[in-house]
Amino acid sequence: MSTTDEILALERAARIAGFRVADILRAANLDRSTWTRWRNGVTSPRLDNWRAVHKAVDHLIAGQQRAA
């Protein structure tokens, strides 16, 4: 799976879970322009940034589950 495919899958999962990409990026402390460059294949994410995105998703999902 390419980075672009992973990003699209993450965006789809976020949408299904009721999150916006902006929520994830805010929690991961990343700019939207960085995400756009990754999505368009201009640059690839550094491992620490990619881990921050996944950690942010996990954090948002855990918060959603606690609220339910």
PDB file of N, CA and C in Angstrom:
ATOM      1  N   MET A   1       0.851  -1.179   0.000  1.00  0.00           N
ATOM      2  CA  MET A   1       0.000   0.000   0.000  1.00  0.00           C
ATOM      3  C   MET A   1       0.896   1.240   0.000  1.00  0.00           C
ATOM      4  N   SER A   2       0.611   2.169  -0.877  1.00  0.00           N
ATOM      5  CA  SER A   2       1.398   3.398  -0.962  1.00  0.00           C
ATOM      6  C   SER A   2       0.985   4.372   0.143  1.00  0.00           C
ATOM      7  N   THR A   3       1.804   5.372   0.336  1.00  0.00           N
ATOM      8  CA  THR A   3       1.479   6.403   1.327  1.00  0.00           C
ATOM      9  C   THR A   3       0.156   7.074   0.981  1.00  0.00           C
ATOM     10  N   THR A   4      -0.042   7.371  -0.294  1.00  0.00           N
ATOM     11  CA  THR A   4      -1.289   8.005  -0.721  1.00  0.00           C
ATOM     12  C   THR A   4      -2.479   7.112  -0.400  1.00  0.00           C
ATOM     13  N   ASP A   5      -2.350   5.817  -0.655  1.00  0.00           N
ATOM     14  CA  ASP A   5      -3.433   4.878  -0.333  1.00  0.00           C
ATOM     15  C   ASP A   5      -3.701   4.851   1.167  1.00  0.00           C
ATOM     16  N   GLU A   6      -2.639   4.859   1.959  1.00  0.00           N
ATOM     17  CA  GLU A   6      -2.801   4.857   3.411  1.00  0.00           C
ATOM     18  C   GLU A   6      -3.487   6.130   3.888  1.00  0.00           C
ATOM     19  N   ILE A   7      -3.127   7.259   3.286  1.00  0.00           N
ATOM     20  CA  ILE A   7      -3.742   8.532   3.656  1.00  0.00           C
ATOM     21  C   ILE A   7      -5.225   8.525   3.307  1.00  0.00           C
ATOM     22  N   LEU A   8      -5.559   8.040   2.124  1.00  0.00           N
ATOM     23  CA  LEU A   8      -6.964   7.970   1.719  1.00  0.00           C
ATOM     24  C   LEU A   8      -7.751   7.043   2.642  1.00  0.00           C
ATOM     25  N   ALA A   9      -7.142   5.920   3.019  1.00  0.00           N
ATOM     26  CA  ALA A   9      -7.805   4.994   3.941  1.00  0.00           C
ATOM     27  C   ALA A   9      -8.009   5.644   5.309  1.00  0.00           C
ATOM     28  N   LEU A  10      -7.015   6.378   5.772  1.00  0.00           N
ATOM     29  CA  LEU A  10      -7.125   7.057   7.059  1.00  0.00           C
ATOM     30  C   LEU A  10      -8.206   8.139   7.007  1.00  0.00           C
ATOM     31  N   GLU A  11      -8.259   8.880   5.907  1.00  0.00           N
ATOM     32  CA  GLU A  11      -9.303   9.905   5.744  1.00  0.00           C
ATOM     33  C   GLU A  11     -10.691   9.266   5.752  1.00  0.00           C
ATOM     34  N   ARG A  12     -10.826   8.147   5.070  1.00  0.00           N
ATOM     35  CA  ARG A  12     -12.109   7.439   5.024  1.00  0.00           C
ATOM     36  C   ARG A  12     -12.500   6.940   6.421  1.00  0.00           C
ATOM     37  N   ALA A  13     -11.545   6.347   7.129  1.00  0.00           N
ATOM     38  CA  ALA A  13     -11.812   5.856   8.485  1.00  0.00           C
ATOM     39  C   ALA A  13     -12.182   6.997   9.420  1.00  0.00           C
ATOM     40  N   ALA A  14     -11.501   8.114   9.284  1.00  0.00           N
ATOM     41  CA  ALA A  14     -11.806   9.281  10.128  1.00  0.00           C
ATOM     42  C   ALA A  14     -13.221   9.763   9.857  1.00  0.00           C
ATOM     43  N   ARG A  15     -13.580   9.825   8.589  1.00  0.00           N
ATOM     44  CA  ARG A  15     -14.928  10.277   8.221  1.00  0.00           C
ATOM     45  C   ARG A  15     -15.989   9.344   8.815  1.00  0.00           C
ATOM     46  N   ILE A  16     -15.750   8.048   8.720  1.00  0.00           N
ATOM     47  CA  ILE A  16     -16.690   7.063   9.267  1.00  0.00           C
ATOM     48  C   ILE A  16     -16.802   7.204  10.783  1.00  0.00           C
ATOM     49  N   ALA A  17     -15.671   7.485  11.439  1.00  0.00           N
ATOM     50  CA  ALA A  17     -15.655   7.637  12.902  1.00  0.00           C
ATOM     51  C   ALA A  17     -16.188   8.993  13.350  1.00  0.00           C
ATOM     52  N   GLY A  18     -16.440   9.891  12.388  1.00  0.00           N
ATOM     53  CA  GLY A  18     -16.993  11.197  12.737  1.00  0.00           C
ATOM     54  C   GLY A  18     -15.962  12.272  13.004  1.00  0.00           C
ATOM     55  N   PHE A  19     -14.724  12.037  12.568  1.00  0.00           N
ATOM     56  CA  PHE A  19     -13.659  13.020  12.748  1.00  0.00           C
ATOM     57  C   PHE A  19     -13.342  13.683  11.425  1.00  0.00           C
ATOM     58  N   ARG A  20     -12.805  14.877  11.528  1.00  0.00           N
ATOM     59  CA  ARG A  20     -12.292  15.554  10.341  1.00  0.00           C
ATOM     60  C   ARG A  20     -10.777  15.389  10.333  1.00  0.00           C
ATOM     61  N   VAL A  21     -10.204  15.462   9.155  1.00  0.00           N
ATOM     62  CA  VAL A  21      -8.753  15.399   9.057  1.00  0.00           C
ATOM     63  C   VAL A  21      -8.135  16.521   9.886  1.00  0.00           C
ATOM     64  N   ALA A  22      -8.786  17.666   9.906  1.00  0.00           N
ATOM     65  CA  ALA A  22      -8.285  18.797  10.697  1.00  0.00           C
ATOM     66  C   ALA A  22      -8.173  18.429  12.174  1.00  0.00           C
ATOM     67  N   ASP A  23      -9.106  17.631  12.689  1.00  0.00           N
ATOM     68  CA  ASP A  23      -9.047  17.186  14.086  1.00  0.00           C
ATOM     69  C   ASP A  23      -7.795  16.351  14.330  1.00  0.00           C
ATOM     70  N   ILE A  24      -7.534  15.451  13.403  1.00  0.00           N
ATOM     71  CA  ILE A  24      -6.366  14.576  13.524  1.00  0.00           C
ATOM     72  C   ILE A  24      -5.081  15.389  13.452  1.00  0.00           C
ATOM     73  N   LEU A  25      -5.024  16.296  12.487  1.00  0.00           N
ATOM     74  CA  LEU A  25      -3.811  17.096  12.319  1.00  0.00           C
ATOM     75  C   LEU A  25      -3.564  18.007  13.504  1.00  0.00           C
ATOM     76  N   ARG A  26      -4.625  18.549  14.066  1.00  0.00           N
ATOM     77  CA  ARG A  26      -4.484  19.395  15.256  1.00  0.00           C
ATOM     78  C   ARG A  26      -3.924  18.567  16.408  1.00  0.00           C
ATOM     79  N   ALA A  27      -4.476  17.371  16.592  1.00  0.00           N
ATOM     80  CA  ALA A  27      -4.009  16.504  17.685  1.00  0.00           C
ATOM     81  C   ALA A  27      -2.573  16.038  17.456  1.00  0.00           C
ATOM     82  N   ALA A  28      -2.183  15.899  16.193  1.00  0.00           N
ATOM     83  CA  ALA A  28      -0.818  15.464  15.862  1.00  0.00           C
ATOM     84  C   ALA A  28       0.143  16.639  15.736  1.00  0.00           C
ATOM     85  N   ASN A  29      -0.390  17.858  15.852  1.00  0.00           N
ATOM     86  CA  ASN A  29       0.412  19.075  15.737  1.00  0.00           C
ATOM     87  C   ASN A  29       1.100  19.186  14.370  1.00  0.00           C
ATOM     88  N   LEU A  30       0.307  18.944  13.314  1.00  0.00           N
ATOM     89  CA  LEU A  30       0.807  19.044  11.945  1.00  0.00           C
ATOM     90  C   LEU A  30      -0.029  20.041  11.157  1.00  0.00           C
ATOM     91  N   ASP A  31       0.609  20.695  10.201  1.00  0.00           N
ATOM     92  CA  ASP A  31      -0.092  21.633   9.331  1.00  0.00           C
ATOM     93  C   ASP A  31      -0.840  20.893   8.226  1.00  0.00           C
ATOM     94  N   ARG A  32      -1.935  21.486   7.789  1.00  0.00           N
ATOM     95  CA  ARG A  32      -2.705  20.912   6.679  1.00  0.00           C
ATOM     96  C   ARG A  32      -1.852  20.839   5.412  1.00  0.00           C
ATOM     97  N   SER A  33      -0.977  21.808   5.222  1.00  0.00           N
ATOM     98  CA  SER A  33      -0.133  21.805   4.022  1.00  0.00           C
ATOM     99  C   SER A  33       0.791  20.587   3.992  1.00  0.00           C
ATOM    100  N   THR A  34       1.243  20.159   5.153  1.00  0.00           N
ATOM    101  CA  THR A  34       2.076  18.960   5.235  1.00  0.00           C
ATOM    102  C   THR A  34       1.280  17.755   4.777  1.00  0.00           C
ATOM    103  N   TRP A  35       0.049  17.633   5.274  1.00  0.00           N
ATOM    104  CA  TRP A  35      -0.833  16.531   4.897  1.00  0.00           C
ATOM    105  C   TRP A  35      -1.085  16.535   3.388  1.00  0.00           C
ATOM    106  N   THR A  36      -1.326  17.713   2.853  1.00  0.00           N
ATOM    107  CA  THR A  36      -1.603  17.843   1.418  1.00  0.00           C
ATOM    108  C   THR A  36      -0.394  17.413   0.597  1.00  0.00           C
ATOM    109  N   ARG A  37       0.802  17.797   1.025  1.00  0.00           N
ATOM    110  CA  ARG A  37       2.009  17.370   0.304  1.00  0.00           C
ATOM    111  C   ARG A  37       2.160  15.856   0.342  1.00  0.00           C
ATOM    112  N   TRP A  38       1.872  15.246   1.480  1.00  0.00           N
ATOM    113  CA  TRP A  38       1.922  13.785   1.576  1.00  0.00           C
ATOM    114  C   TRP A  38       0.889  13.162   0.644  1.00  0.00           C
ATOM    115  N   ARG A  39      -0.326  13.701   0.715  1.00  0.00           N
ATOM    116  CA  ARG A  39      -1.443  13.142  -0.058  1.00  0.00           C
ATOM    117  C   ARG A  39      -1.187  13.230  -1.558  1.00  0.00           C
ATOM    118  N   ASN A  40      -0.558  14.299  -1.984  1.00  0.00           N
ATOM    119  CA  ASN A  40      -0.281  14.497  -3.403  1.00  0.00           C
ATOM    120  C   ASN A  40       1.029  13.856  -3.854  1.00  0.00           C
ATOM    121  N   GLY A  41       1.732  13.212  -2.935  1.00  0.00           N
ATOM    122  CA  GLY A  41       2.968  12.527  -3.284  1.00  0.00           C
ATOM    123  C   GLY A  41       4.160  13.447  -3.483  1.00  0.00           C
ATOM    124  N   VAL A  42       4.038  14.693  -3.041  1.00  0.00           N
ATOM    125  CA  VAL A  42       5.136  15.646  -3.179  1.00  0.00           C
ATOM    126  C   VAL A  42       6.261  15.288  -2.209  1.00  0.00           C
ATOM    127  N   THR A  43       5.885  14.938  -0.996  1.00  0.00           N
ATOM    128  CA  THR A  43       6.843  14.486   0.017  1.00  0.00           C
ATOM    129  C   THR A  43       6.268  13.254   0.692  1.00  0.00           C
ATOM    130  N   SER A  44       7.102  12.587   1.445  1.00  0.00           N
ATOM    131  CA  SER A  44       6.662  11.439   2.237  1.00  0.00           C
ATOM    132  C   SER A  44       6.788  11.796   3.707  1.00  0.00           C
ATOM    133  N   PRO A  45       5.905  11.257   4.533  1.00  0.00           N
ATOM    134  CA  PRO A  45       5.982  11.582   5.960  1.00  0.00           C
ATOM    135  C   PRO A  45       7.214  10.966   6.618  1.00  0.00           C
ATOM    136  N   ARG A  46       7.803  11.721   7.531  1.00  0.00           N
ATOM    137  CA  ARG A  46       8.839  11.144   8.382  1.00  0.00           C
ATOM    138  C   ARG A  46       8.152  10.186   9.339  1.00  0.00           C
ATOM    139  N   LEU A  47       8.886   9.224   9.793  1.00  0.00           N
ATOM    140  CA  LEU A  47       8.324   8.205  10.673  1.00  0.00           C
ATOM    141  C   LEU A  47       7.718   8.824  11.934  1.00  0.00           C
ATOM    142  N   ASP A  48       8.385   9.808  12.523  1.00  0.00           N
ATOM    143  CA  ASP A  48       7.855  10.413  13.751  1.00  0.00           C
ATOM    144  C   ASP A  48       6.534  11.130  13.494  1.00  0.00           C
ATOM    145  N   ASN A  49       6.404  11.769  12.329  1.00  0.00           N
ATOM    146  CA  ASN A  49       5.139  12.433  12.004  1.00  0.00           C
ATOM    147  C   ASN A  49       4.033  11.419  11.726  1.00  0.00           C
ATOM    148  N   TRP A  50       4.382  10.345  11.038  1.00  0.00           N
ATOM    149  CA  TRP A  50       3.385   9.327  10.728  1.00  0.00           C
ATOM    150  C   TRP A  50       2.891   8.668  12.017  1.00  0.00           C
ATOM    151  N   ARG A  51       3.808   8.433  12.938  1.00  0.00           N
ATOM    152  CA  ARG A  51       3.424   7.870  14.241  1.00  0.00           C
ATOM    153  C   ARG A  51       2.536   8.850  15.002  1.00  0.00           C
ATOM    154  N   ALA A  52       2.831  10.151  14.902  1.00  0.00           N
ATOM    155  CA  ALA A  52       2.010  11.163  15.575  1.00  0.00           C
ATOM    156  C   ALA A  52       0.582  11.151  15.032  1.00  0.00           C
ATOM    157  N   VAL A  53       0.437  10.957  13.722  1.00  0.00           N
ATOM    158  CA  VAL A  53      -0.897  10.877  13.117  1.00  0.00           C
ATOM    159  C   VAL A  53      -1.652   9.683  13.680  1.00  0.00           C
ATOM    160  N   HIS A  54      -1.017   8.529  13.712  1.00  0.00           N
ATOM    161  CA  HIS A  54      -1.688   7.334  14.223  1.00  0.00           C
ATOM    162  C   HIS A  54      -1.991   7.448  15.718  1.00  0.00           C
ATOM    163  N   LYS A  55      -1.091   8.053  16.456  1.00  0.00           N
ATOM    164  CA  LYS A  55      -1.334   8.264  17.888  1.00  0.00           C
ATOM    165  C   LYS A  55      -2.528   9.204  18.079  1.00  0.00           C
ATOM    166  N   ALA A  56      -2.627  10.235  17.240  1.00  0.00           N
ATOM    167  CA  ALA A  56      -3.744  11.175  17.324  1.00  0.00           C
ATOM    168  C   ALA A  56      -5.061  10.475  17.028  1.00  0.00           C
ATOM    169  N   VAL A  57      -5.062   9.616  16.013  1.00  0.00           N
ATOM    170  CA  VAL A  57      -6.275   8.864  15.680  1.00  0.00           C
ATOM    171  C   VAL A  57      -6.676   7.984  16.863  1.00  0.00           C
ATOM    172  N   ASP A  58      -5.721   7.256  17.416  1.00  0.00           N
ATOM    173  CA  ASP A  58      -6.003   6.395  18.576  1.00  0.00           C
ATOM    174  C   ASP A  58      -6.566   7.215  19.734  1.00  0.00           C
ATOM    175  N   HIS A  59      -5.976   8.379  19.968  1.00  0.00           N
ATOM    176  CA  HIS A  59      -6.412   9.256  21.058  1.00  0.00           C
ATOM    177  C   HIS A  59      -7.849   9.746  20.821  1.00  0.00           C
ATOM    178  N   LEU A  60      -8.149  10.155  19.613  1.00  0.00           N
ATOM    179  CA  LEU A  60      -9.500  10.631  19.297  1.00  0.00           C
ATOM    180  C   LEU A  60     -10.532   9.519  19.436  1.00  0.00           C
ATOM    181  N   ILE A  61     -10.201   8.336  18.966  1.00  0.00           N
ATOM    182  CA  ILE A  61     -11.122   7.200  19.073  1.00  0.00           C
ATOM    183  C   ILE A  61     -11.335   6.829  20.535  1.00  0.00           C
ATOM    184  N   ALA A  62     -10.267   6.821  21.330  1.00  0.00           N
ATOM    185  CA  ALA A  62     -10.401   6.495  22.755  1.00  0.00           C
ATOM    186  C   ALA A  62     -11.277   7.511  23.457  1.00  0.00           C
ATOM    187  N   GLY A  63     -11.103   8.789  23.124  1.00  0.00           N
ATOM    188  CA  GLY A  63     -11.957   9.832  23.714  1.00  0.00           C
ATOM    189  C   GLY A  63     -13.404   9.676  23.324  1.00  0.00           C
ATOM    190  N   GLN A  64     -13.626   9.259  22.095  1.00  0.00           N
ATOM    191  CA  GLN A  64     -14.992   9.048  21.616  1.00  0.00           C
ATOM    192  C   GLN A  64     -15.630   7.864  22.349  1.00  0.00           C
ATOM    193  N   GLN A  65     -14.866   6.813  22.570  1.00  0.00           N
ATOM    194  CA  GLN A  65     -15.390   5.630  23.259  1.00  0.00           C
ATOM    195  C   GLN A  65     -15.685   5.930  24.727  1.00  0.00           C
ATOM    196  N   ARG A  66     -14.847   6.761  25.352  1.00  0.00           N
ATOM    197  CA  ARG A  66     -15.109   7.119  26.756  1.00  0.00           C
ATOM    198  C   ARG A  66     -16.379   7.958  26.866  1.00  0.00           C
ATOM    199  N   ALA A  67     -16.636   8.771  25.871  1.00  0.00           N
ATOM    200  CA  ALA A  67     -17.816   9.653  25.897  1.00  0.00           C
ATOM    201  C   ALA A  67     -19.107   8.887  25.625  1.00  0.00           C
ATOM    202  N   ALA A  68     -18.977   7.713  25.023  1.00  0.00           N
ATOM    203  CA  ALA A  68     -20.183   6.930  24.674  1.00  0.00           C
ATOM    204  C   ALA A  68     -20.767   6.197  25.851  1.00  0.00           C
TER     205      ALA A  68
END
